[in-house]
Protein backbone atom coordinates (compact mmCIF):
# COMPACT_ATOMS: atom_id res chain seq x y z
CA UNK A 1 -24.50 12.22 7.85
CA UNK A 2 -21.61 10.49 9.60
CA UNK A 3 -20.22 7.92 7.15
CA UNK A 4 -19.69 4.25 8.03
CA UNK A 5 -17.02 2.21 6.25
CA UNK A 6 -15.45 -1.16 6.96
CA UNK A 7 -11.80 -1.93 7.45
CA UNK A 8 -11.80 -3.60 4.04
CA UNK A 9 -12.06 -0.13 2.48
CA UNK A 10 -9.00 2.06 2.09
CA UNK A 11 -9.18 3.22 5.70
CA UNK A 12 -5.57 4.34 5.99
CA UNK A 13 -5.79 6.76 3.09
CA UNK A 14 -9.04 8.17 4.46
CA UNK A 15 -7.50 8.71 7.88
CA UNK A 16 -4.49 10.35 6.21
CA UNK A 17 -6.81 12.69 4.31
CA UNK A 18 -8.37 13.76 7.59
CA UNK A 19 -4.95 14.13 9.25
CA UNK A 20 -3.78 16.34 6.37
CA UNK A 21 -6.87 18.57 6.43
CA UNK A 22 -4.90 21.64 7.50
CA UNK A 23 -2.72 21.62 4.39
CA UNK A 24 -4.65 24.41 2.73
CA UNK A 25 -3.68 25.21 -0.86
CA UNK A 26 -3.82 28.91 0.05
CA UNK A 27 -1.39 28.61 2.97
CA UNK A 28 1.41 30.22 0.95
CA UNK A 29 -0.78 33.22 0.22
CA UNK A 30 -1.76 33.48 3.89
CA UNK A 31 1.88 33.14 4.92
CA UNK A 32 2.78 36.10 2.72
CA UNK A 33 0.12 38.17 4.50
CA UNK A 34 1.43 37.09 7.89
CA UNK A 35 5.03 37.98 6.93
CA UNK A 36 3.83 41.45 5.98
CA UNK A 37 2.09 41.86 9.34
CA UNK A 38 5.13 40.66 11.27
CA UNK A 39 7.51 43.00 9.52
CA UNK A 40 5.18 45.97 9.91
CA UNK A 41 4.77 45.40 13.64
CA UNK A 42 8.50 44.87 14.05
CA UNK A 43 9.18 48.24 12.36
CA UNK A 44 6.22 50.33 13.48
CA UNK A 45 5.15 48.83 16.81
CA UNK A 46 1.80 50.01 18.17
CA UNK A 47 0.94 51.87 14.95
CA UNK A 48 0.95 48.64 12.94
CA UNK A 49 -0.86 46.70 15.66
CA UNK A 50 -3.66 49.26 15.66
CA UNK A 51 -3.80 49.35 11.85
CA UNK A 52 -4.20 45.59 11.46
CA UNK A 53 -6.63 45.37 14.38
CA UNK A 54 -8.84 47.86 12.54
CA UNK A 55 -8.41 46.06 9.21
CA UNK A 56 -8.88 42.46 10.34
CA UNK A 57 -10.93 42.68 13.55
CA UNK A 58 -12.81 45.91 12.79
CA UNK A 59 -11.86 47.38 16.17
CA UNK A 60 -10.74 51.01 16.15
CA UNK A 61 -8.45 51.41 19.15
CA UNK A 62 -6.17 54.11 20.50
CA UNK A 63 -2.75 53.14 21.90
CA UNK A 64 -3.96 53.73 25.46
CA UNK A 65 -6.89 51.37 24.85
CA UNK A 66 -4.73 48.34 24.05
CA UNK A 67 -4.28 47.41 27.69
CA UNK A 68 -7.30 46.22 29.66
CA UNK A 69 -7.72 48.53 32.65
CA UNK A 70 -8.02 47.67 36.30
CA UNK A 71 -11.58 48.95 36.40
CA UNK A 72 -12.50 46.61 33.53
CA UNK A 73 -10.93 43.70 35.38
CA UNK A 74 -12.89 44.57 38.53
CA UNK A 75 -16.10 44.95 36.55
CA UNK A 76 -15.68 41.51 34.99
CA UNK A 77 -16.30 39.87 38.37
CA UNK A 78 -19.68 41.59 38.50
CA UNK A 79 -20.60 40.24 35.07
CA UNK A 80 -20.09 36.52 35.70
CA UNK A 81 -22.34 34.31 37.78
CA UNK A 82 -21.29 32.92 41.14
CA UNK A 83 -21.59 29.42 39.70
CA UNK A 84 -19.18 30.25 36.89
CA UNK A 85 -16.72 31.84 39.31
CA UNK A 86 -16.84 28.73 41.51
CA UNK A 87 -16.30 26.50 38.47
CA UNK A 88 -13.30 28.57 37.38
CA UNK A 89 -11.80 28.40 40.86
CA UNK A 90 -12.36 24.63 41.07
CA UNK A 91 -10.67 24.18 37.70
CA UNK A 92 -7.77 26.38 38.87
CA UNK A 93 -7.25 24.19 41.92
CA UNK A 94 -7.25 20.93 39.98
CA UNK A 95 -5.08 22.18 37.11
CA UNK A 96 -2.54 23.72 39.47
CA UNK A 97 -2.41 20.59 41.65
CA UNK A 98 -1.67 18.43 38.61
CA UNK A 99 1.00 20.72 37.18
CA UNK A 100 2.77 21.14 40.52
CA UNK A 101 3.52 17.41 40.35
CA UNK A 102 5.26 17.91 37.01
CA UNK A 103 7.85 20.55 37.97
CA UNK A 104 11.32 19.24 37.06
CA UNK A 105 13.85 19.45 39.87
CA UNK A 106 17.34 20.85 39.51
CA UNK A 107 19.99 18.30 40.48
CA UNK A 108 23.71 18.01 41.11
CA UNK A 109 25.78 14.81 41.15
CA UNK A 110 29.19 14.58 42.85
CA UNK A 111 31.37 11.94 41.15
CA UNK A 112 34.88 10.62 41.43
CA UNK A 113 37.86 13.01 41.38
CA UNK A 114 35.64 15.92 42.40
CA UNK A 115 33.70 15.97 39.17
CA UNK A 116 30.39 17.76 39.59
CA UNK A 117 27.62 17.41 37.00
CA UNK A 118 24.06 18.63 37.13
CA UNK A 119 21.13 20.35 35.58
CA UNK A 120 19.53 23.62 36.67
CA UNK A 121 15.97 24.61 35.71
CA UNK A 122 14.96 28.27 35.56
CA UNK A 123 11.80 29.94 34.23
CA UNK A 124 11.74 32.33 31.29
CA UNK A 125 11.50 36.00 32.25
CA UNK A 126 8.29 36.72 30.35
CA UNK A 127 5.56 34.51 28.89
CA UNK A 128 2.93 35.59 26.39
CA UNK A 129 -0.42 33.81 26.19
CA UNK A 130 -2.64 33.97 23.12
CA UNK A 131 -6.32 33.33 23.84
CA UNK A 132 -8.60 33.10 20.79
CA UNK A 133 -11.90 34.93 20.79
CA UNK A 134 -13.43 34.28 17.39
CA UNK A 135 -16.04 31.53 17.54
CA UNK A 136 -16.47 31.40 21.30
CA UNK A 137 -14.94 32.51 24.58
CA UNK A 138 -12.40 30.20 26.18
CA UNK A 139 -11.77 30.76 29.90
CA UNK A 140 -10.56 27.16 30.09
CA UNK A 141 -7.80 27.94 27.59
CA UNK A 142 -6.71 30.84 29.78
CA UNK A 143 -6.35 28.48 32.75
CA UNK A 144 -4.52 25.80 30.79
CA UNK A 145 -1.92 28.28 29.53
CA UNK A 146 -1.54 30.59 32.51
CA UNK A 147 -1.39 28.09 35.37
CA UNK A 148 1.65 26.11 34.09
CA UNK A 149 3.47 29.43 33.62
CA UNK A 150 2.58 30.43 37.17
CA UNK A 151 3.68 27.05 38.55
CA UNK A 152 6.94 27.31 36.60
CA UNK A 153 7.66 30.59 38.37
CA UNK A 154 7.51 32.93 35.38
CA UNK A 155 7.72 36.43 36.93
CA UNK A 156 5.76 38.23 34.20
CA UNK A 157 2.80 36.64 32.39
CA UNK A 158 0.96 38.71 29.79
CA UNK A 159 -2.07 37.80 27.71
CA UNK A 160 -3.42 38.93 24.36
CA UNK A 161 -6.96 38.26 23.17
CA UNK A 162 -9.11 39.96 20.53
CA UNK A 163 -11.87 42.34 21.57
CA UNK A 164 -15.31 42.14 20.09
CA UNK A 165 -18.23 44.57 19.96
CA UNK A 166 -17.68 47.76 21.92
CA UNK A 167 -13.98 46.99 22.38
CA UNK A 168 -14.98 44.55 25.10
CA UNK A 169 -13.15 41.40 26.16
CA UNK A 170 -15.34 38.57 27.39
CA UNK A 171 -15.71 38.92 31.18
CA UNK A 172 -15.32 35.16 31.77
CA UNK A 173 -11.92 35.33 30.04
CA UNK A 174 -10.90 38.31 32.16
CA UNK A 175 -11.94 36.60 35.40
CA UNK A 176 -10.14 33.38 34.46
CA UNK A 177 -6.98 35.35 33.70
CA UNK A 178 -7.02 37.05 37.08
CA UNK A 179 -7.72 33.83 38.94
CA UNK A 180 -4.81 32.16 37.11
CA UNK A 181 -2.32 34.94 37.87
CA UNK A 182 -2.06 36.84 34.58
CA UNK A 183 -0.67 40.31 35.30
CA UNK A 184 -1.33 42.15 32.02
CA UNK A 185 -4.02 41.75 29.36
CA UNK A 186 -4.08 43.40 25.92
CA UNK A 187 -7.13 43.51 23.63
CA UNK A 188 -5.49 42.47 20.40
CA UNK A 189 -5.58 39.25 18.40
CA UNK A 190 -4.42 37.75 15.13
CA UNK A 191 -0.94 37.72 13.64
CA UNK A 192 -0.39 41.28 14.88
CA UNK A 193 -0.74 40.10 18.49
CA UNK A 194 1.86 37.36 17.96
CA UNK A 195 4.18 39.91 16.36
CA UNK A 196 3.75 42.30 19.28
CA UNK A 197 4.66 39.57 21.75
CA UNK A 198 7.62 38.40 19.70
CA UNK A 199 9.17 41.80 18.97
CA UNK A 200 7.65 44.10 21.58
CA UNK A 201 5.96 47.45 20.94
CA UNK A 202 5.70 50.71 22.85
CA UNK A 203 2.83 49.19 24.84
CA UNK A 204 3.09 45.40 24.64
CA UNK A 205 6.23 43.79 26.11
CA UNK A 206 8.48 41.40 24.22
CA UNK A 207 8.24 37.91 25.70
CA UNK A 208 10.41 34.80 25.63
CA UNK A 209 7.75 32.14 25.03
CA UNK A 210 4.36 32.35 23.28
CA UNK A 211 1.68 29.74 23.93
CA UNK A 212 -1.96 29.30 23.04
CA UNK A 213 -4.02 28.21 20.01
CA UNK A 214 -5.49 30.35 17.24
CA UNK A 215 -6.60 30.39 13.62
CA UNK A 216 -4.34 29.73 10.64
CA UNK A 217 -2.94 33.28 10.70
CA UNK A 218 -2.01 32.98 14.37
CA UNK A 219 -0.48 29.56 13.78
CA UNK A 220 1.58 30.79 10.83
CA UNK A 221 2.72 33.80 12.84
CA UNK A 222 3.91 31.53 15.67
CA UNK A 223 5.73 29.37 13.15
CA UNK A 224 7.50 32.38 11.64
CA UNK A 225 8.57 33.99 14.93
CA UNK A 226 9.91 30.72 16.34
CA UNK A 227 13.60 31.24 16.95
CA UNK A 228 13.03 34.83 18.01
CA UNK A 229 10.87 33.38 20.78
CA UNK A 230 9.94 29.90 21.89
CA UNK A 231 6.46 28.51 21.18
CA UNK A 232 4.41 25.67 22.57
CA UNK A 233 3.25 24.08 19.32
CA UNK A 234 1.53 24.71 16.00
CA UNK A 235 -2.02 23.83 16.93
CA UNK A 236 -4.50 22.70 14.29
CA UNK A 237 -8.24 22.06 14.46
CA UNK A 238 -9.44 19.83 17.28
CA UNK A 239 -9.86 16.07 16.83
CA UNK A 240 -11.07 13.02 18.69
CA UNK A 241 -10.74 9.34 17.93
CA UNK A 242 -12.94 6.94 19.89
CA UNK A 243 -12.32 3.20 20.07
CA UNK A 244 -15.47 1.40 21.21
CA UNK A 245 -16.63 -2.18 21.57
CA UNK A 246 -20.09 -3.69 22.07
CA UNK A 247 -20.19 -2.47 25.69
CA UNK A 248 -20.18 1.21 24.69
CA UNK A 249 -23.25 3.41 25.00
CA UNK A 250 -24.06 4.80 21.52
CA UNK A 251 -25.52 8.03 22.94
CA UNK A 252 -22.32 8.67 24.90
CA UNK A 253 -20.13 8.01 21.87
CA UNK A 254 -22.26 10.26 19.66
CA UNK A 255 -22.08 13.09 22.18
CA UNK A 256 -18.30 12.76 22.41
CA UNK A 257 -17.94 12.90 18.63
CA UNK A 258 -20.13 15.98 18.45
CA UNK A 259 -18.19 17.59 21.32
CA UNK A 260 -15.25 17.83 18.95
CA UNK A 261 -17.19 18.57 15.78
CA UNK A 262 -18.86 21.62 17.35
CA UNK A 263 -15.49 23.34 17.79
CA UNK A 264 -14.86 24.13 14.16
CA UNK A 265 -15.92 23.09 10.62
CA UNK A 266 -12.47 21.50 10.28
CA UNK A 267 -12.63 19.49 13.51
CA UNK A 268 -12.32 15.72 13.12
CA UNK A 269 -14.50 13.11 14.85
CA UNK A 270 -13.66 9.45 14.26
CA UNK A 271 -15.04 6.22 15.71
CA UNK A 272 -13.32 2.84 15.37
CA UNK A 273 -15.54 -0.01 16.56
CA UNK A 274 -15.60 -3.77 16.47
CA UNK A 275 -19.42 -3.77 16.55
CA UNK A 276 -21.31 -3.02 13.31
CA UNK A 277 -24.53 -2.66 15.30
CA UNK A 278 -22.96 0.02 17.50
CA UNK A 279 -21.73 1.85 14.40
CA UNK A 280 -25.29 2.19 13.08
CA UNK A 281 -26.65 3.21 16.48
CA UNK A 282 -24.01 5.91 16.86
CA UNK A 283 -24.75 7.21 13.37
CA UNK A 284 -28.44 7.53 14.29
CA UNK A 285 -27.66 9.07 17.70
CA UNK A 286 -25.53 11.73 16.03
CA UNK A 287 -28.46 12.70 13.80
CA UNK A 288 -30.80 12.90 16.79
CA UNK A 289 -28.41 15.01 18.84
CA UNK A 290 -27.87 17.42 15.94
CA UNK A 291 -31.54 18.39 15.94
CA UNK A 292 -31.81 21.93 17.36
CA UNK A 293 -28.05 21.97 18.05
CA UNK A 294 -27.03 25.63 18.63
CA UNK A 295 -23.91 25.17 16.48
CA UNK A 296 -25.51 22.86 13.96
CA UNK A 297 -24.14 24.37 10.74
CA UNK A 298 -20.47 24.23 11.72
CA UNK A 299 -20.94 20.88 13.44
CA UNK A 300 -22.60 19.31 10.40
CA UNK A 301 -19.80 20.61 8.16
CA UNK A 302 -17.19 18.97 10.38
CA UNK A 303 -19.12 15.69 10.48
CA UNK A 304 -19.67 15.69 6.73
CA UNK A 305 -16.04 16.37 5.79
CA UNK A 306 -14.00 14.98 8.67
CA UNK A 307 -16.31 12.61 10.51
CA UNK A 308 -15.97 8.86 10.07
CA UNK A 309 -17.02 5.53 11.57
CA UNK A 310 -14.87 2.51 10.76
CA UNK A 311 -15.96 -1.04 11.59
CA UNK A 312 -12.74 -2.92 12.39
CA UNK A 313 -11.97 -6.59 12.79
CA UNK A 314 -10.51 -6.34 16.30
CA UNK A 315 -9.45 -3.95 19.02
CA UNK A 316 -5.84 -4.68 18.05
CA UNK A 317 -6.60 -3.42 14.54
CA UNK A 318 -8.26 -0.33 16.02
CA UNK A 319 -5.20 0.38 18.16
CA UNK A 320 -2.90 0.13 15.16
CA UNK A 321 -5.05 2.55 13.14
CA UNK A 322 -5.14 4.91 16.13
CA UNK A 323 -1.36 4.82 16.37
CA UNK A 324 -1.06 5.74 12.70
CA UNK A 325 -3.50 8.65 13.11
CA UNK A 326 -1.91 9.78 16.43
CA UNK A 327 -4.99 11.68 17.64
CA UNK A 328 -5.08 14.74 19.85
CA UNK A 329 -7.75 13.07 22.01
CA UNK A 330 -8.19 9.30 22.24
CA UNK A 331 -11.15 7.77 24.06
CA UNK A 332 -11.15 4.06 24.93
CA UNK A 333 -14.81 3.16 25.51
CA UNK A 334 -14.23 -0.57 25.84
CA UNK A 335 -14.70 -3.23 28.51
CA UNK A 336 -11.03 -3.20 29.54
CA UNK A 337 -9.51 0.19 28.61
CA UNK A 338 -6.31 -0.34 30.60
CA UNK A 339 -5.44 -3.47 28.63
CA UNK A 340 -6.06 -1.68 25.34
CA UNK A 341 -4.02 1.34 26.45
CA UNK A 342 -0.92 -0.86 26.53
CA UNK A 343 -1.19 -1.04 22.73
CA UNK A 344 -1.36 2.72 22.27
CA UNK A 345 1.88 4.49 21.35
CA UNK A 346 0.76 7.86 20.03
CA UNK A 347 -1.95 10.11 21.49
CA UNK A 348 -2.07 13.57 23.02
CA UNK A 349 -4.38 12.53 25.85
CA UNK A 350 -6.04 9.17 26.57
CA UNK A 351 -9.46 8.94 28.23
CA UNK A 352 -10.27 5.59 29.81
CA UNK A 353 -13.75 4.15 30.14
CA UNK A 354 -17.32 5.26 29.54
CA UNK A 355 -17.38 7.66 32.50
CA UNK A 356 -14.47 9.74 31.18
CA UNK A 357 -15.64 11.97 28.33
CA UNK A 358 -13.01 14.17 26.74
CA UNK A 359 -14.81 17.22 28.15
CA UNK A 360 -13.49 16.27 31.61
CA UNK A 361 -9.98 16.86 30.33
CA UNK A 362 -10.99 20.04 28.54
CA UNK A 363 -12.03 21.74 31.73
CA UNK A 364 -10.80 20.52 35.09
CA UNK A 365 -9.35 17.04 35.37
CA UNK A 366 -5.94 18.70 35.67
CA UNK A 367 -3.81 17.57 32.71
CA UNK A 368 -3.42 20.23 30.05
CA UNK A 369 -5.87 20.41 27.18
CA UNK A 370 -3.39 22.13 24.85
CA UNK A 371 -2.33 19.04 22.93
CA UNK A 372 -0.54 18.06 19.70
CA UNK A 373 -2.82 17.84 16.65
CA UNK A 374 -2.67 16.59 13.06
CA UNK A 375 -0.46 13.62 13.89
CA UNK A 376 2.05 15.61 15.96
CA UNK A 377 1.42 13.28 18.91
CA UNK A 378 3.94 10.96 17.26
CA UNK A 379 6.70 13.28 18.54
CA UNK A 380 5.13 16.03 20.66
CA UNK A 381 3.41 16.32 24.03
CA UNK A 382 0.93 18.50 25.89
CA UNK A 383 1.74 22.01 27.02
CA UNK A 384 3.11 21.91 30.55
CA UNK A 385 5.34 23.51 33.13
CA UNK A 386 8.36 22.51 31.04
CA UNK A 387 7.16 24.82 28.25
CA UNK A 388 8.05 27.81 30.44
CA UNK A 389 11.36 26.45 31.76
CA UNK A 390 14.80 26.07 30.29
CA UNK A 391 17.63 24.05 31.73
CA UNK A 392 21.33 24.76 32.01
CA UNK A 393 23.99 22.10 32.38
CA UNK A 394 26.28 22.36 35.41
CA UNK A 395 29.86 21.11 35.02
CA UNK A 396 32.83 21.37 37.37
CA UNK A 397 36.14 19.45 37.01
CA UNK A 398 38.98 19.30 39.50
CA UNK A 399 42.59 19.48 38.33
CA UNK A 400 42.95 15.73 38.89
CA UNK A 401 39.85 14.96 36.82
CA UNK A 402 40.98 17.23 33.99
CA UNK A 403 44.39 15.58 33.85
CA UNK A 404 42.78 12.15 33.49
CA UNK A 405 40.77 13.12 30.39
CA UNK A 406 43.22 15.61 28.82
CA UNK A 407 44.63 13.08 26.36
CA UNK A 408 41.21 12.03 25.08
CA UNK A 409 40.15 15.66 24.66
CA UNK A 410 43.38 16.39 22.79
CA UNK A 411 42.75 13.53 20.36
CA UNK A 412 39.14 14.53 19.72
CA UNK A 413 39.96 18.21 19.28
CA UNK A 414 42.86 17.45 16.93
CA UNK A 415 40.65 15.13 14.88
CA UNK A 416 38.15 17.94 14.45
CA UNK A 417 40.85 20.43 13.49
CA UNK A 418 40.31 22.67 16.52
CA UNK A 419 43.78 23.24 18.02
CA UNK A 420 42.71 25.92 20.50
CA UNK A 421 40.26 23.48 22.02
CA UNK A 422 43.19 21.14 22.64
CA UNK A 423 45.41 23.97 23.91
CA UNK A 424 42.78 25.13 26.40
CA UNK A 425 43.25 21.79 28.16
CA UNK A 426 47.00 21.34 27.59
CA UNK A 427 47.83 24.70 29.16
CA UNK A 428 45.99 23.69 32.30
CA UNK A 429 47.58 20.25 32.73
CA UNK A 430 51.15 21.14 31.67
CA UNK A 431 51.63 24.08 34.05
C-alpha cells in the first residue's frame, strides 16, 4: 500500500532514500562485468558481440544477422495497425516541430578594429541510439532520440536494440525508427551494444554520440565509454513527483502515480499534498486501480518500496521539498500551477494543471521525454538537438587589434611561464 506520512516525520531523509535507490551495493561487481564486455568487444569486434548476445540475451546470431534487413523493415509496416502508424506519425510531427525551435544558430560578431568573434554549430558525423527492449517495446523512445538527431543534421543515425524470440525486433520499434529517419538498425542490446557503438566492429559503425536509456549494465557501459564518445546522460529508473491541493482529482493523481510505478520495480511515485483528505482518497484510488492491473507485480513493488504520500503544511513547503528531490517529472495539480511553478528550480519536465498528465509528455507533446533522473535535474537537462551538436569558437584579429592587446598577452603569458606564447604575439607586432 502507498504510505502516507506527514511533514513532521523525517521527510527529507525518506526522499533522499528514494533518490539514492540506484546506488546498488553490487554496482562494483556489475561494473567489473561491464569492463570485461567492453574490452572484449574492443579487441574482438563482432565475435565478442555475438558471444555476449548469446550469453546474456539468449539469442544465437550470425554476423550477417546483426543488421536488420530491408525486407524486415518493409514487413514491419504490415504488422502494425493503421491507428498505431497514424499515432507514430502524429508524434513525429509534434516532436520534430518542437525540436526545430530549439536549434542553436551559428553567429558572428564584427567588433572594433576588425575583431571578429563568433560561434559555429555543426552536427556530429554519426549518432548511435540505444533502444531498450526488455520489459516492453518503446517506439516513443525511438522518436525522442532519433528526431533531435535528424533535426540537428546528423548525416548517419544508427540504432541498436535487443531482439527477442525468433531473433525478431518489435515491429512498432522498426516502424518508428523508419518514420524518424534512422538509417541502420542492429539487433543487439546490453553493454555489448554500447561497446560496439563506442569502438566499432566489423559490422556496427563507431559513432560519436550515444543516447538512449537502458538497464544498469547499459548505464554503466555508457559511463565507462564516455570520453571515447559523448553520451546524453546516465539514466536511472523513472520517477514522478506530484504536488496537489484540495482541487485535485484523486483518481487522476492515482493514475499518474501508477503511470510511473508500472515502468519498473525501482520507479518512484511521490505525492506532496496540502490536503490530508486527498491523501487518503489517492491511497484508496491507487488500490482500486491496481486491481487486475496487467503489470501489477512490478507496479506494487515500486509502490511499496519507492511510493510515498506526504501531507505538507503549504504549497511553499511542497515546492521546497520538490526542489531538494529534483524530480524527473513534476506535476503541479493545483488551482494556480503557474504561480507555483515560479517556486520550482529543479525538475526535468513540469506538467501544469489537471489536464496535463505526464503521459502527454511521454508520447507527443513535443518536448523530449529523455530526462535527468535521481536528482540530476539540479544540473542537467532533457535530451535535445544540442546533444548531437558541437560548437567551435570563431576568432579573427586584425594587425591593429593584435597590437592593442599584445602587452596584456605578454604579461599573462610571462606570468604563466609560457614564453613561446608571448613570442607568438611579439613576433607579429614587432616586425
